[in-house]
Amino acid sequence: MRFDLPSPDFDTAPWWDAVAEHRLLVKRCASCTKAHFYPRPFCPHCWSTDVQWEDASGRATLYTYSIVRVNDLPPFPERVPYVAAVVDLAEGPRMMTNVVDCDFDALQIGMHLTVQFRDVGEGVTIPVFAPAGAA
């Protein structure tokens, strides 16, 4: 088992299944109406268990980022440099991800991003974000 691949569980398997279909999901609380991410069986805002999956738009803005130029832990040495980022999804939650297809000098807090899906091997797909309008 590779440590850099996800291990879906009961609460996260629907999310990973959707990502494999190139769909991004968030959960929304029926009690307080707030969306949240990461997948969990309760609302982190009001603690209600009345939460449901919904398709996210795939739009986000860059909240913060770091350009990772050195990472000695396998398998990351062959991936550097890369952009580790936190994005604000249009639906409200924040999500850790990578920004791709963007010159490092073009990165700007608040820039508009859209989700893309990358096959990382062993049947696993992950969502990453690129500048809005990038192919």
C-alpha atoms as a PDB file:
ATOM      1  CA  MET A   1       0.000   0.000   0.000  1.00  0.00           C
ATOM      2  CA  ARG A   2       1.337   3.411  -0.965  1.00  0.00           C
ATOM      3  CA  PHE A   3       1.141   5.980   1.817  1.00  0.00           C
ATOM      4  CA  ASP A   4       0.603   8.823  -0.653  1.00  0.00           C
ATOM      5  CA  LEU A   5      -2.707   7.401  -1.937  1.00  0.00           C
ATOM      6  CA  PRO A   6      -6.022   7.833  -0.138  1.00  0.00           C
ATOM      7  CA  SER A   7      -7.614   5.137   1.999  1.00  0.00           C
ATOM      8  CA  PRO A   8     -11.351   5.815   1.581  1.00  0.00           C
ATOM      9  CA  ASP A   9     -13.585   4.898   4.488  1.00  0.00           C
ATOM     10  CA  PHE A  10     -17.353   4.807   4.951  1.00  0.00           C
ATOM     11  CA  ASP A  11     -17.609   8.610   5.178  1.00  0.00           C
ATOM     12  CA  THR A  12     -15.222   9.475   2.335  1.00  0.00           C
ATOM     13  CA  ALA A  13     -15.842   6.689  -0.224  1.00  0.00           C
ATOM     14  CA  PRO A  14     -18.733   8.556  -1.963  1.00  0.00           C
ATOM     15  CA  TRP A  15     -16.444  11.575  -2.392  1.00  0.00           C
ATOM     16  CA  TRP A  16     -13.637   9.502  -3.939  1.00  0.00           C
ATOM     17  CA  ASP A  17     -16.148   7.689  -6.171  1.00  0.00           C
ATOM     18  CA  ALA A  18     -17.425  11.053  -7.457  1.00  0.00           C
ATOM     19  CA  VAL A  19     -13.886  12.345  -8.042  1.00  0.00           C
ATOM     20  CA  ALA A  20     -13.199   9.221 -10.139  1.00  0.00           C
ATOM     21  CA  GLU A  21     -16.174  10.368 -12.262  1.00  0.00           C
ATOM     22  CA  HIS A  22     -14.670  13.896 -12.459  1.00  0.00           C
ATOM     23  CA  ARG A  23     -17.236  15.347 -10.071  1.00  0.00           C
ATOM     24  CA  LEU A  24     -16.402  17.372  -6.977  1.00  0.00           C
ATOM     25  CA  LEU A  25     -18.739  17.011  -3.986  1.00  0.00           C
ATOM     26  CA  VAL A  26     -19.287  18.885  -0.749  1.00  0.00           C
ATOM     27  CA  LYS A  27     -21.704  18.132   2.036  1.00  0.00           C
ATOM     28  CA  ARG A  28     -24.450  20.595   2.940  1.00  0.00           C
ATOM     29  CA  CYS A  29     -26.299  20.752   6.235  1.00  0.00           C
ATOM     30  CA  ALA A  30     -30.100  20.773   6.019  1.00  0.00           C
ATOM     31  CA  SER A  31     -30.299  22.421   9.458  1.00  0.00           C
ATOM     32  CA  CYS A  32     -28.031  25.457   9.055  1.00  0.00           C
ATOM     33  CA  THR A  33     -27.660  25.275   5.213  1.00  0.00           C
ATOM     34  CA  LYS A  34     -23.847  25.636   5.323  1.00  0.00           C
ATOM     35  CA  ALA A  35     -21.628  23.535   3.081  1.00  0.00           C
ATOM     36  CA  HIS A  36     -18.553  21.853   4.488  1.00  0.00           C
ATOM     37  CA  PHE A  37     -15.478  19.975   3.402  1.00  0.00           C
ATOM     38  CA  TYR A  38     -13.775  17.483   4.319  1.00  0.00           C
ATOM     39  CA  PRO A  39     -16.428  14.733   4.217  1.00  0.00           C
ATOM     40  CA  ARG A  40     -17.804  13.818   7.634  1.00  0.00           C
ATOM     41  CA  PRO A  41     -21.140  12.571   8.958  1.00  0.00           C
ATOM     42  CA  PHE A  42     -22.032  15.772  10.829  1.00  0.00           C
ATOM     43  CA  CYS A  43     -22.039  19.517  10.261  1.00  0.00           C
ATOM     44  CA  PRO A  44     -18.973  21.191  11.823  1.00  0.00           C
ATOM     45  CA  HIS A  45     -20.978  24.437  12.141  1.00  0.00           C
ATOM     46  CA  CYS A  46     -24.059  23.279  14.087  1.00  0.00           C
ATOM     47  CA  TRP A  47     -23.285  19.574  14.750  1.00  0.00           C
ATOM     48  CA  SER A  48     -26.418  18.349  12.966  1.00  0.00           C
ATOM     49  CA  THR A  49     -26.224  14.908  11.371  1.00  0.00           C
ATOM     50  CA  ASP A  50     -28.713  15.976   8.679  1.00  0.00           C
ATOM     51  CA  VAL A  51     -26.073  16.433   5.977  1.00  0.00           C
ATOM     52  CA  GLN A  52     -26.285  15.515   2.297  1.00  0.00           C
ATOM     53  CA  TRP A  53     -23.874  15.336  -0.623  1.00  0.00           C
ATOM     54  CA  GLU A  54     -24.176  17.908  -3.374  1.00  0.00           C
ATOM     55  CA  ASP A  55     -22.227  18.591  -6.541  1.00  0.00           C
ATOM     56  CA  ALA A  56     -19.859  21.509  -6.207  1.00  0.00           C
ATOM     57  CA  SER A  57     -19.388  23.969  -9.065  1.00  0.00           C
ATOM     58  CA  GLY A  58     -15.637  23.364  -9.315  1.00  0.00           C
ATOM     59  CA  ARG A  59     -14.966  27.103  -8.989  1.00  0.00           C
ATOM     60  CA  ALA A  60     -12.609  28.394  -6.312  1.00  0.00           C
ATOM     61  CA  THR A  61     -10.336  31.267  -5.355  1.00  0.00           C
ATOM     62  CA  LEU A  62      -6.789  30.933  -4.096  1.00  0.00           C
ATOM     63  CA  TYR A  63      -6.675  31.558  -0.337  1.00  0.00           C
ATOM     64  CA  THR A  64      -3.001  30.789   0.313  1.00  0.00           C
ATOM     65  CA  TYR A  65      -0.181  28.773  -1.205  1.00  0.00           C
ATOM     66  CA  SER A  66       3.417  27.646  -0.889  1.00  0.00           C
ATOM     67  CA  ILE A  67       5.789  26.660  -3.651  1.00  0.00           C
ATOM     68  CA  VAL A  68       7.363  23.416  -2.492  1.00  0.00           C
ATOM     69  CA  ARG A  69      10.854  23.162  -3.950  1.00  0.00           C
ATOM     70  CA  VAL A  70      12.291  20.467  -1.656  1.00  0.00           C
ATOM     71  CA  ASN A  71      10.503  17.410  -0.281  1.00  0.00           C
ATOM     72  CA  ASP A  72      12.679  14.422   0.549  1.00  0.00           C
ATOM     73  CA  LEU A  73       9.817  12.042   1.371  1.00  0.00           C
ATOM     74  CA  PRO A  74       9.010   9.520  -1.359  1.00  0.00           C
ATOM     75  CA  PRO A  75       7.404   9.907  -3.855  1.00  0.00           C
ATOM     76  CA  PHE A  76       7.642  13.698  -3.681  1.00  0.00           C
ATOM     77  CA  PRO A  77      11.269  14.305  -4.760  1.00  0.00           C
ATOM     78  CA  GLU A  78      10.288  13.636  -8.378  1.00  0.00           C
ATOM     79  CA  ARG A  79       7.269  15.959  -8.101  1.00  0.00           C
ATOM     80  CA  VAL A  80       9.030  19.133  -6.971  1.00  0.00           C
ATOM     81  CA  PRO A  81       8.552  21.954  -7.511  1.00  0.00           C
ATOM     82  CA  TYR A  82       4.790  22.029  -6.935  1.00  0.00           C
ATOM     83  CA  VAL A  83       2.222  24.383  -5.459  1.00  0.00           C
ATOM     84  CA  ALA A  84       0.578  23.305  -2.213  1.00  0.00           C
ATOM     85  CA  ALA A  85      -2.493  25.458  -1.725  1.00  0.00           C
ATOM     86  CA  VAL A  86      -5.661  26.143   0.198  1.00  0.00           C
ATOM     87  CA  VAL A  87      -8.598  27.290  -1.922  1.00  0.00           C
ATOM     88  CA  ASP A  88     -11.983  28.734  -1.053  1.00  0.00           C
ATOM     89  CA  LEU A  89     -14.621  26.748  -2.924  1.00  0.00           C
ATOM     90  CA  ALA A  90     -17.463  28.812  -4.387  1.00  0.00           C
ATOM     91  CA  GLU A  91     -19.813  26.910  -2.055  1.00  0.00           C
ATOM     92  CA  GLY A  92     -17.925  28.228   0.994  1.00  0.00           C
ATOM     93  CA  PRO A  93     -15.602  25.554   2.385  1.00  0.00           C
ATOM     94  CA  ARG A  94     -11.827  25.656   2.194  1.00  0.00           C
ATOM     95  CA  MET A  95      -9.917  22.773   0.652  1.00  0.00           C
ATOM     96  CA  MET A  96      -6.251  21.769   0.578  1.00  0.00           C
ATOM     97  CA  THR A  97      -5.076  20.985  -2.948  1.00  0.00           C
ATOM     98  CA  ASN A  98      -2.436  21.703  -5.563  1.00  0.00           C
ATOM     99  CA  VAL A  99      -2.465  24.467  -8.154  1.00  0.00           C
ATOM    100  CA  VAL A 100      -1.343  23.239 -11.571  1.00  0.00           C
ATOM    101  CA  ASP A 101      -0.791  24.673 -15.042  1.00  0.00           C
ATOM    102  CA  CYS A 102       0.269  28.057 -13.701  1.00  0.00           C
ATOM    103  CA  ASP A 103       3.605  29.870 -13.731  1.00  0.00           C
ATOM    104  CA  PHE A 104       4.680  30.449 -10.153  1.00  0.00           C
ATOM    105  CA  ASP A 105       5.081  34.180 -10.820  1.00  0.00           C
ATOM    106  CA  ALA A 106       1.422  34.354 -11.916  1.00  0.00           C
ATOM    107  CA  LEU A 107       0.068  33.035  -8.605  1.00  0.00           C
ATOM    108  CA  GLN A 108      -1.997  35.638  -6.762  1.00  0.00           C
ATOM    109  CA  ILE A 109      -4.083  35.356  -3.635  1.00  0.00           C
ATOM    110  CA  GLY A 110      -7.716  35.684  -4.718  1.00  0.00           C
ATOM    111  CA  MET A 111      -7.125  34.425  -8.266  1.00  0.00           C
ATOM    112  CA  HIS A 112      -9.988  32.467  -9.803  1.00  0.00           C
ATOM    113  CA  LEU A 113      -9.434  28.747 -10.218  1.00  0.00           C
ATOM    114  CA  THR A 114     -11.342  25.774 -11.609  1.00  0.00           C
ATOM    115  CA  VAL A 115     -11.089  22.131 -10.707  1.00  0.00           C
ATOM    116  CA  GLN A 116      -9.296  19.617 -12.888  1.00  0.00           C
ATOM    117  CA  PHE A 117      -8.911  15.916 -12.256  1.00  0.00           C
ATOM    118  CA  ARG A 118      -5.615  14.029 -12.389  1.00  0.00           C
ATOM    119  CA  ASP A 119      -5.064  10.287 -12.509  1.00  0.00           C
ATOM    120  CA  VAL A 120      -2.288   9.520 -10.036  1.00  0.00           C
ATOM    121  CA  GLY A 121      -2.162   5.777 -10.625  1.00  0.00           C
ATOM    122  CA  GLU A 122      -3.589   2.616  -9.124  1.00  0.00           C
ATOM    123  CA  GLY A 123      -7.100   3.728 -10.119  1.00  0.00           C
ATOM    124  CA  VAL A 124      -6.935   6.911  -8.026  1.00  0.00           C
ATOM    125  CA  THR A 125      -7.998  10.321  -9.286  1.00  0.00           C
ATOM    126  CA  ILE A 126      -7.436  13.542  -7.353  1.00  0.00           C
ATOM    127  CA  PRO A 127      -8.864  17.027  -7.789  1.00  0.00           C
ATOM    128  CA  VAL A 128      -6.411  19.843  -8.419  1.00  0.00           C
ATOM    129  CA  PHE A 129      -7.049  23.444  -9.413  1.00  0.00           C
ATOM    130  CA  ALA A 130      -5.829  25.536 -12.330  1.00  0.00           C
ATOM    131  CA  PRO A 131      -6.324  29.186 -13.236  1.00  0.00           C
ATOM    132  CA  ALA A 132      -9.841  29.740 -14.569  1.00  0.00           C
ATOM    133  CA  GLY A 133      -9.786  29.410 -18.326  1.00  0.00           C
ATOM    134  CA  ALA A 134      -6.731  27.106 -18.391  1.00  0.00           C
ATOM    135  CA  ALA A 135      -7.083  24.107 -20.693  1.00  0.00           C
END
